[in-house]
PDB file of all heavy atoms in Angstrom:
ATOM      1  N   GLN A   1       3.219  -4.911 -14.737  1.00  0.00           N
ATOM      2  CA  GLN A   1       2.163  -5.038 -13.746  1.00  0.00           C
ATOM      3  C   GLN A   1       2.818  -5.040 -12.347  1.00  0.00           C
ATOM      4  O   GLN A   1       3.984  -5.348 -12.202  1.00  0.00           O
ATOM      5  CB  GLN A   1       1.347  -6.330 -13.966  1.00  0.00           C
ATOM      6  CG  GLN A   1       2.171  -7.550 -13.807  1.00  0.00           C
ATOM      7  CD  GLN A   1       1.465  -8.824 -14.242  1.00  0.00           C
ATOM      8  OE1 GLN A   1       0.870  -8.831 -15.269  1.00  0.00           O
ATOM      9  NE2 GLN A   1       1.432  -9.820 -13.455  1.00  0.00           N
ATOM     10  N   LEU A   2       2.039  -4.666 -11.372  1.00  0.00           N
ATOM     11  CA  LEU A   2       2.578  -4.785 -10.011  1.00  0.00           C
ATOM     12  C   LEU A   2       2.719  -6.208  -9.593  1.00  0.00           C
ATOM     13  O   LEU A   2       1.854  -7.031  -9.794  1.00  0.00           O
ATOM     14  CB  LEU A   2       1.574  -4.027  -9.094  1.00  0.00           C
ATOM     15  CG  LEU A   2       1.410  -2.476  -9.390  1.00  0.00           C
ATOM     16  CD1 LEU A   2       0.374  -1.945  -8.411  1.00  0.00           C
ATOM     17  CD2 LEU A   2       2.726  -1.783  -9.438  1.00  0.00           C
ATOM     18  N   SER A   3       3.863  -6.462  -8.915  1.00  0.00           N
ATOM     19  CA  SER A   3       4.078  -7.847  -8.406  1.00  0.00           C
ATOM     20  C   SER A   3       4.588  -7.886  -7.014  1.00  0.00           C
ATOM     21  O   SER A   3       4.686  -9.013  -6.480  1.00  0.00           O
ATOM     22  CB  SER A   3       5.101  -8.488  -9.380  1.00  0.00           C
ATOM     23  OG  SER A   3       6.350  -7.794  -9.310  1.00  0.00           O
ATOM     24  N   ILE A   4       4.778  -6.780  -6.347  1.00  0.00           N
ATOM     25  CA  ILE A   4       5.103  -6.833  -4.903  1.00  0.00           C
ATOM     26  C   ILE A   4       3.862  -7.033  -4.217  1.00  0.00           C
ATOM     27  O   ILE A   4       2.893  -6.239  -4.334  1.00  0.00           O
ATOM     28  CB  ILE A   4       5.829  -5.527  -4.549  1.00  0.00           C
ATOM     29  CG1 ILE A   4       7.158  -5.364  -5.191  1.00  0.00           C
ATOM     30  CG2 ILE A   4       5.988  -5.463  -3.015  1.00  0.00           C
ATOM     31  CD1 ILE A   4       7.854  -4.025  -4.944  1.00  0.00           C
ATOM     32  N   THR A   5       3.763  -8.022  -3.447  1.00  0.00           N
ATOM     33  CA  THR A   5       2.554  -8.399  -2.648  1.00  0.00           C
ATOM     34  C   THR A   5       2.753  -7.955  -1.214  1.00  0.00           C
ATOM     35  O   THR A   5       2.522  -6.822  -0.856  1.00  0.00           O
ATOM     36  CB  THR A   5       2.177  -9.873  -2.846  1.00  0.00           C
ATOM     37  OG1 THR A   5       3.277 -10.714  -2.402  1.00  0.00           O
ATOM     38  CG2 THR A   5       1.822 -10.147  -4.243  1.00  0.00           C
ATOM     39  N   THR A   6       3.055  -8.899  -0.324  1.00  0.00           N
ATOM     40  CA  THR A   6       3.095  -8.591   1.116  1.00  0.00           C
ATOM     41  C   THR A   6       4.496  -8.393   1.596  1.00  0.00           C
ATOM     42  O   THR A   6       4.695  -7.934   2.753  1.00  0.00           O
ATOM     43  CB  THR A   6       2.418  -9.689   1.947  1.00  0.00           C
ATOM     44  OG1 THR A   6       3.018 -10.957   1.678  1.00  0.00           O
ATOM     45  CG2 THR A   6       0.907  -9.727   1.583  1.00  0.00           C
ATOM     46  N   LYS A   7       5.533  -8.803   0.908  1.00  0.00           N
ATOM     47  CA  LYS A   7       6.965  -8.533   1.266  1.00  0.00           C
ATOM     48  C   LYS A   7       7.342  -7.207   0.836  1.00  0.00           C
ATOM     49  O   LYS A   7       7.828  -7.048  -0.259  1.00  0.00           O
ATOM     50  CB  LYS A   7       7.846  -9.675   0.715  1.00  0.00           C
ATOM     51  CG  LYS A   7       9.289  -9.493   1.176  1.00  0.00           C
ATOM     52  CD  LYS A   7      10.201 -10.478   0.530  1.00  0.00           C
ATOM     53  CE  LYS A   7      11.653 -10.351   0.969  1.00  0.00           C
ATOM     54  NZ  LYS A   7      12.240  -9.000   1.025  1.00  0.00           N
ATOM     55  N   ILE A   8       7.170  -6.236   1.705  1.00  0.00           N
ATOM     56  CA  ILE A   8       7.506  -4.843   1.379  1.00  0.00           C
ATOM     57  C   ILE A   8       8.547  -4.418   2.406  1.00  0.00           C
ATOM     58  O   ILE A   8       8.309  -4.424   3.639  1.00  0.00           O
ATOM     59  CB  ILE A   8       6.260  -3.903   1.584  1.00  0.00           C
ATOM     60  CG1 ILE A   8       5.180  -4.329   0.556  1.00  0.00           C
ATOM     61  CG2 ILE A   8       6.656  -2.490   1.344  1.00  0.00           C
ATOM     62  CD1 ILE A   8       3.816  -3.688   0.731  1.00  0.00           C
ATOM     63  N   ASP A   9       9.808  -4.121   1.890  1.00  0.00           N
ATOM     64  CA  ASP A   9      10.817  -3.704   2.722  1.00  0.00           C
ATOM     65  C   ASP A   9      11.057  -2.220   2.911  1.00  0.00           C
ATOM     66  O   ASP A   9      11.577  -1.789   3.940  1.00  0.00           O
ATOM     67  CB  ASP A   9      12.159  -4.354   2.198  1.00  0.00           C
ATOM     68  CG  ASP A   9      12.067  -5.899   2.273  1.00  0.00           C
ATOM     69  OD1 ASP A   9      11.965  -6.448   3.290  1.00  0.00           O
ATOM     70  OD2 ASP A   9      12.114  -6.503   1.117  1.00  0.00           O
ATOM     71  N   ARG A  10      10.550  -1.458   1.952  1.00  0.00           N
ATOM     72  CA  ARG A  10      10.492  -0.019   2.089  1.00  0.00           C
ATOM     73  C   ARG A  10       9.192   0.405   1.322  1.00  0.00           C
ATOM     74  O   ARG A  10       8.766  -0.195   0.389  1.00  0.00           O
ATOM     75  CB  ARG A  10      11.695   0.665   1.442  1.00  0.00           C
ATOM     76  CG  ARG A  10      13.065   0.420   2.244  1.00  0.00           C
ATOM     77  CD  ARG A  10      14.167   1.171   1.725  1.00  0.00           C
ATOM     78  NE  ARG A  10      13.966   2.577   1.558  1.00  0.00           N
ATOM     79  CZ  ARG A  10      14.763   3.451   0.950  1.00  0.00           C
ATOM     80  NH1 ARG A  10      15.892   3.007   0.373  1.00  0.00           N
ATOM     81  NH2 ARG A  10      14.491   4.675   0.842  1.00  0.00           N
ATOM     82  N   GLU A  11       8.654   1.524   1.779  1.00  0.00           N
ATOM     83  CA  GLU A  11       7.458   2.057   1.188  1.00  0.00           C
ATOM     84  C   GLU A  11       7.281   3.521   1.315  1.00  0.00           C
ATOM     85  O   GLU A  11       7.891   4.118   2.195  1.00  0.00           O
ATOM     86  CB  GLU A  11       6.223   1.279   1.768  1.00  0.00           C
ATOM     87  CG  GLU A  11       6.012   1.593   3.242  1.00  0.00           C
ATOM     88  CD  GLU A  11       4.917   0.753   3.959  1.00  0.00           C
ATOM     89  OE1 GLU A  11       5.105  -0.484   3.836  1.00  0.00           O
ATOM     90  OE2 GLU A  11       4.010   1.335   4.505  1.00  0.00           O
ATOM     91  N   HIS A  12       6.417   4.106   0.479  1.00  0.00           N
ATOM     92  CA  HIS A  12       6.027   5.488   0.653  1.00  0.00           C
ATOM     93  C   HIS A  12       5.451   5.629   2.006  1.00  0.00           C
ATOM     94  O   HIS A  12       4.644   4.851   2.431  1.00  0.00           O
ATOM     95  CB  HIS A  12       5.100   5.864  -0.507  1.00  0.00           C
ATOM     96  CG  HIS A  12       4.689   7.334  -0.461  1.00  0.00           C
ATOM     97  ND1 HIS A  12       3.816   7.883   0.453  1.00  0.00           N
ATOM     98  CD2 HIS A  12       5.167   8.339  -1.302  1.00  0.00           C
ATOM     99  CE1 HIS A  12       3.701   9.200   0.176  1.00  0.00           C
ATOM    100  NE2 HIS A  12       4.543   9.453  -0.850  1.00  0.00           N
ATOM    101  N   PRO A  13       5.784   6.778   2.728  1.00  0.00           N
ATOM    102  CA  PRO A  13       5.262   6.889   4.124  1.00  0.00           C
ATOM    103  C   PRO A  13       3.792   6.928   4.271  1.00  0.00           C
ATOM    104  O   PRO A  13       3.215   6.656   5.309  1.00  0.00           O
ATOM    105  CB  PRO A  13       5.948   8.180   4.651  1.00  0.00           C
ATOM    106  CG  PRO A  13       6.496   8.791   3.513  1.00  0.00           C
ATOM    107  CD  PRO A  13       6.702   7.764   2.342  1.00  0.00           C
ATOM    108  N   GLU A  14       3.101   7.314   3.156  1.00  0.00           N
ATOM    109  CA  GLU A  14       1.550   7.457   3.236  1.00  0.00           C
ATOM    110  C   GLU A  14       0.954   6.363   2.373  1.00  0.00           C
ATOM    111  O   GLU A  14      -0.252   6.428   2.107  1.00  0.00           O
ATOM    112  CB  GLU A  14       1.232   8.770   2.732  1.00  0.00           C
ATOM    113  CG  GLU A  14       1.724   9.989   3.505  1.00  0.00           C
ATOM    114  CD  GLU A  14       1.621  11.321   2.906  1.00  0.00           C
ATOM    115  OE1 GLU A  14       0.946  11.374   1.822  1.00  0.00           O
ATOM    116  OE2 GLU A  14       2.198  12.246   3.362  1.00  0.00           O
ATOM    117  N   LEU A  15       1.672   5.328   1.976  1.00  0.00           N
ATOM    118  CA  LEU A  15       1.124   4.272   1.092  1.00  0.00           C
ATOM    119  C   LEU A  15      -0.169   3.622   1.689  1.00  0.00           C
ATOM    120  O   LEU A  15      -1.197   3.550   0.950  1.00  0.00           O
ATOM    121  CB  LEU A  15       2.191   3.169   0.898  1.00  0.00           C
ATOM    122  CG  LEU A  15       1.832   2.013   0.029  1.00  0.00           C
ATOM    123  CD1 LEU A  15       1.842   2.430  -1.420  1.00  0.00           C
ATOM    124  CD2 LEU A  15       2.868   0.875   0.263  1.00  0.00           C
ATOM    125  N   LYS A  16      -0.094   3.201   2.927  1.00  0.00           N
ATOM    126  CA  LYS A  16      -1.188   2.493   3.459  1.00  0.00           C
ATOM    127  C   LYS A  16      -2.430   3.439   3.776  1.00  0.00           C
ATOM    128  O   LYS A  16      -3.574   3.130   3.610  1.00  0.00           O
ATOM    129  CB  LYS A  16      -0.809   1.651   4.660  1.00  0.00           C
ATOM    130  CG  LYS A  16       0.127   0.573   4.256  1.00  0.00           C
ATOM    131  CD  LYS A  16       0.698  -0.184   5.495  1.00  0.00           C
ATOM    132  CE  LYS A  16       1.674  -1.245   5.043  1.00  0.00           C
ATOM    133  NZ  LYS A  16       2.524  -1.758   6.150  1.00  0.00           N
ATOM    134  N   GLU A  17      -2.064   4.645   4.290  1.00  0.00           N
ATOM    135  CA  GLU A  17      -3.100   5.544   4.678  1.00  0.00           C
ATOM    136  C   GLU A  17      -3.861   6.010   3.466  1.00  0.00           C
ATOM    137  O   GLU A  17      -5.032   6.195   3.534  1.00  0.00           O
ATOM    138  CB  GLU A  17      -2.448   6.787   5.402  1.00  0.00           C
ATOM    139  CG  GLU A  17      -2.143   6.498   6.904  1.00  0.00           C
ATOM    140  CD  GLU A  17      -3.364   5.936   7.670  1.00  0.00           C
ATOM    141  OE1 GLU A  17      -4.521   6.522   7.562  1.00  0.00           O
ATOM    142  OE2 GLU A  17      -3.161   4.912   8.369  1.00  0.00           O
ATOM    143  N   TYR A  18      -3.126   6.258   2.316  1.00  0.00           N
ATOM    144  CA  TYR A  18      -3.814   6.631   1.114  1.00  0.00           C
ATOM    145  C   TYR A  18      -4.700   5.509   0.631  1.00  0.00           C
ATOM    146  O   TYR A  18      -5.886   5.777   0.197  1.00  0.00           O
ATOM    147  CB  TYR A  18      -2.783   6.968   0.036  1.00  0.00           C
ATOM    148  CG  TYR A  18      -3.343   7.433  -1.287  1.00  0.00           C
ATOM    149  CD1 TYR A  18      -3.924   8.694  -1.389  1.00  0.00           C
ATOM    150  CD2 TYR A  18      -3.443   6.588  -2.399  1.00  0.00           C
ATOM    151  CE1 TYR A  18      -4.463   9.134  -2.588  1.00  0.00           C
ATOM    152  CE2 TYR A  18      -4.012   7.004  -3.593  1.00  0.00           C
ATOM    153  CZ  TYR A  18      -4.564   8.317  -3.671  1.00  0.00           C
ATOM    154  OH  TYR A  18      -5.080   8.731  -4.829  1.00  0.00           O
ATOM    155  N   ALA A  19      -4.298   4.277   0.707  1.00  0.00           N
ATOM    156  CA  ALA A  19      -5.132   3.146   0.269  1.00  0.00           C
ATOM    157  C   ALA A  19      -6.361   3.086   1.179  1.00  0.00           C
ATOM    158  O   ALA A  19      -7.499   2.826   0.617  1.00  0.00           O
ATOM    159  CB  ALA A  19      -4.365   1.872   0.392  1.00  0.00           C
ATOM    160  N   LYS A  20      -6.223   3.325   2.411  1.00  0.00           N
ATOM    161  CA  LYS A  20      -7.447   3.288   3.357  1.00  0.00           C
ATOM    162  C   LYS A  20      -8.370   4.408   3.041  1.00  0.00           C
ATOM    163  O   LYS A  20      -9.608   4.274   2.963  1.00  0.00           O
ATOM    164  CB  LYS A  20      -6.961   3.430   4.844  1.00  0.00           C
ATOM    165  CG  LYS A  20      -6.590   2.070   5.379  1.00  0.00           C
ATOM    166  CD  LYS A  20      -5.916   2.101   6.794  1.00  0.00           C
ATOM    167  CE  LYS A  20      -6.520   2.936   7.817  1.00  0.00           C
ATOM    168  NZ  LYS A  20      -5.812   2.666   9.156  1.00  0.00           N
ATOM    169  N   SER A  21      -7.802   5.627   2.741  1.00  0.00           N
ATOM    170  CA  SER A  21      -8.642   6.802   2.389  1.00  0.00           C
ATOM    171  C   SER A  21      -9.436   6.568   1.152  1.00  0.00           C
ATOM    172  O   SER A  21     -10.597   7.127   0.997  1.00  0.00           O
ATOM    173  CB  SER A  21      -7.827   8.061   2.277  1.00  0.00           C
ATOM    174  OG  SER A  21      -7.100   8.102   1.117  1.00  0.00           O
ATOM    175  N   LYS A  22      -8.934   5.774   0.232  1.00  0.00           N
ATOM    176  CA  LYS A  22      -9.672   5.450  -1.075  1.00  0.00           C
ATOM    177  C   LYS A  22     -10.527   4.240  -0.938  1.00  0.00           C
ATOM    178  O   LYS A  22     -11.281   3.962  -1.811  1.00  0.00           O
ATOM    179  CB  LYS A  22      -8.633   5.178  -2.132  1.00  0.00           C
ATOM    180  CG  LYS A  22      -7.808   6.384  -2.566  1.00  0.00           C
ATOM    181  CD  LYS A  22      -8.686   7.363  -3.256  1.00  0.00           C
ATOM    182  CE  LYS A  22      -7.982   8.428  -3.992  1.00  0.00           C
ATOM    183  NZ  LYS A  22      -8.939   9.354  -4.704  1.00  0.00           N
ATOM    184  N   GLY A  23     -10.604   3.586   0.214  1.00  0.00           N
ATOM    185  CA  GLY A  23     -11.449   2.395   0.435  1.00  0.00           C
ATOM    186  C   GLY A  23     -10.857   1.096  -0.229  1.00  0.00           C
ATOM    187  O   GLY A  23     -11.564   0.216  -0.351  1.00  0.00           O
ATOM    188  N   TRP A  24      -9.565   1.184  -0.542  1.00  0.00           N
ATOM    189  CA  TRP A  24      -8.983   0.021  -1.210  1.00  0.00           C
ATOM    190  C   TRP A  24      -8.471  -1.032  -0.178  1.00  0.00           C
ATOM    191  O   TRP A  24      -8.310  -2.199  -0.555  1.00  0.00           O
ATOM    192  CB  TRP A  24      -7.782   0.441  -2.026  1.00  0.00           C
ATOM    193  CG  TRP A  24      -8.082   1.403  -3.200  1.00  0.00           C
ATOM    194  CD1 TRP A  24      -9.251   1.670  -3.748  1.00  0.00           C
ATOM    195  CD2 TRP A  24      -7.172   2.286  -3.760  1.00  0.00           C
ATOM    196  NE1 TRP A  24      -9.169   2.627  -4.652  1.00  0.00           N
ATOM    197  CE2 TRP A  24      -7.861   3.063  -4.738  1.00  0.00           C
ATOM    198  CE3 TRP A  24      -5.816   2.510  -3.649  1.00  0.00           C
ATOM    199  CZ2 TRP A  24      -7.297   4.002  -5.559  1.00  0.00           C
ATOM    200  CZ3 TRP A  24      -5.175   3.478  -4.395  1.00  0.00           C
ATOM    201  CH2 TRP A  24      -5.907   4.231  -5.398  1.00  0.00           C
ATOM    202  N   TRP A  25      -8.281  -0.593   0.983  1.00  0.00           N
ATOM    203  CA  TRP A  25      -7.767  -1.523   2.075  1.00  0.00           C
ATOM    204  C   TRP A  25      -8.418  -1.124   3.333  1.00  0.00           C
ATOM    205  O   TRP A  25      -8.530   0.057   3.675  1.00  0.00           O
ATOM    206  CB  TRP A  25      -6.228  -1.380   2.133  1.00  0.00           C
ATOM    207  CG  TRP A  25      -5.568  -2.160   3.164  1.00  0.00           C
ATOM    208  CD1 TRP A  25      -5.565  -3.500   3.232  1.00  0.00           C
ATOM    209  CD2 TRP A  25      -4.713  -1.667   4.224  1.00  0.00           C
ATOM    210  NE1 TRP A  25      -4.719  -3.919   4.327  1.00  0.00           N
ATOM    211  CE2 TRP A  25      -4.257  -2.808   4.928  1.00  0.00           C
ATOM    212  CE3 TRP A  25      -4.259  -0.333   4.591  1.00  0.00           C
ATOM    213  CZ2 TRP A  25      -3.399  -2.692   6.051  1.00  0.00           C
ATOM    214  CZ3 TRP A  25      -3.448  -0.294   5.700  1.00  0.00           C
ATOM    215  CH2 TRP A  25      -3.017  -1.447   6.431  1.00  0.00           C
ATOM    216  N   ASP A  26      -8.838  -2.118   4.104  1.00  0.00           N
ATOM    217  CA  ASP A  26      -9.578  -1.817   5.357  1.00  0.00           C
ATOM    218  C   ASP A  26      -8.722  -1.643   6.521  1.00  0.00           C
ATOM    219  O   ASP A  26      -9.142  -1.251   7.612  1.00  0.00           O
ATOM    220  CB  ASP A  26     -10.579  -2.954   5.620  1.00  0.00           C
ATOM    221  CG  ASP A  26      -9.914  -4.357   5.936  1.00  0.00           C
ATOM    222  OD1 ASP A  26      -8.653  -4.398   5.999  1.00  0.00           O
ATOM    223  OD2 ASP A  26     -10.601  -5.290   5.910  1.00  0.00           O
TER     224      ASP A  26
END
């Protein structure tokens, strides 16, 4: 299961934008 919460040290460059486009994150 996913366990990384808010401590993210590296990420996919479009991780947050994709989540916003899907309505998962405001």
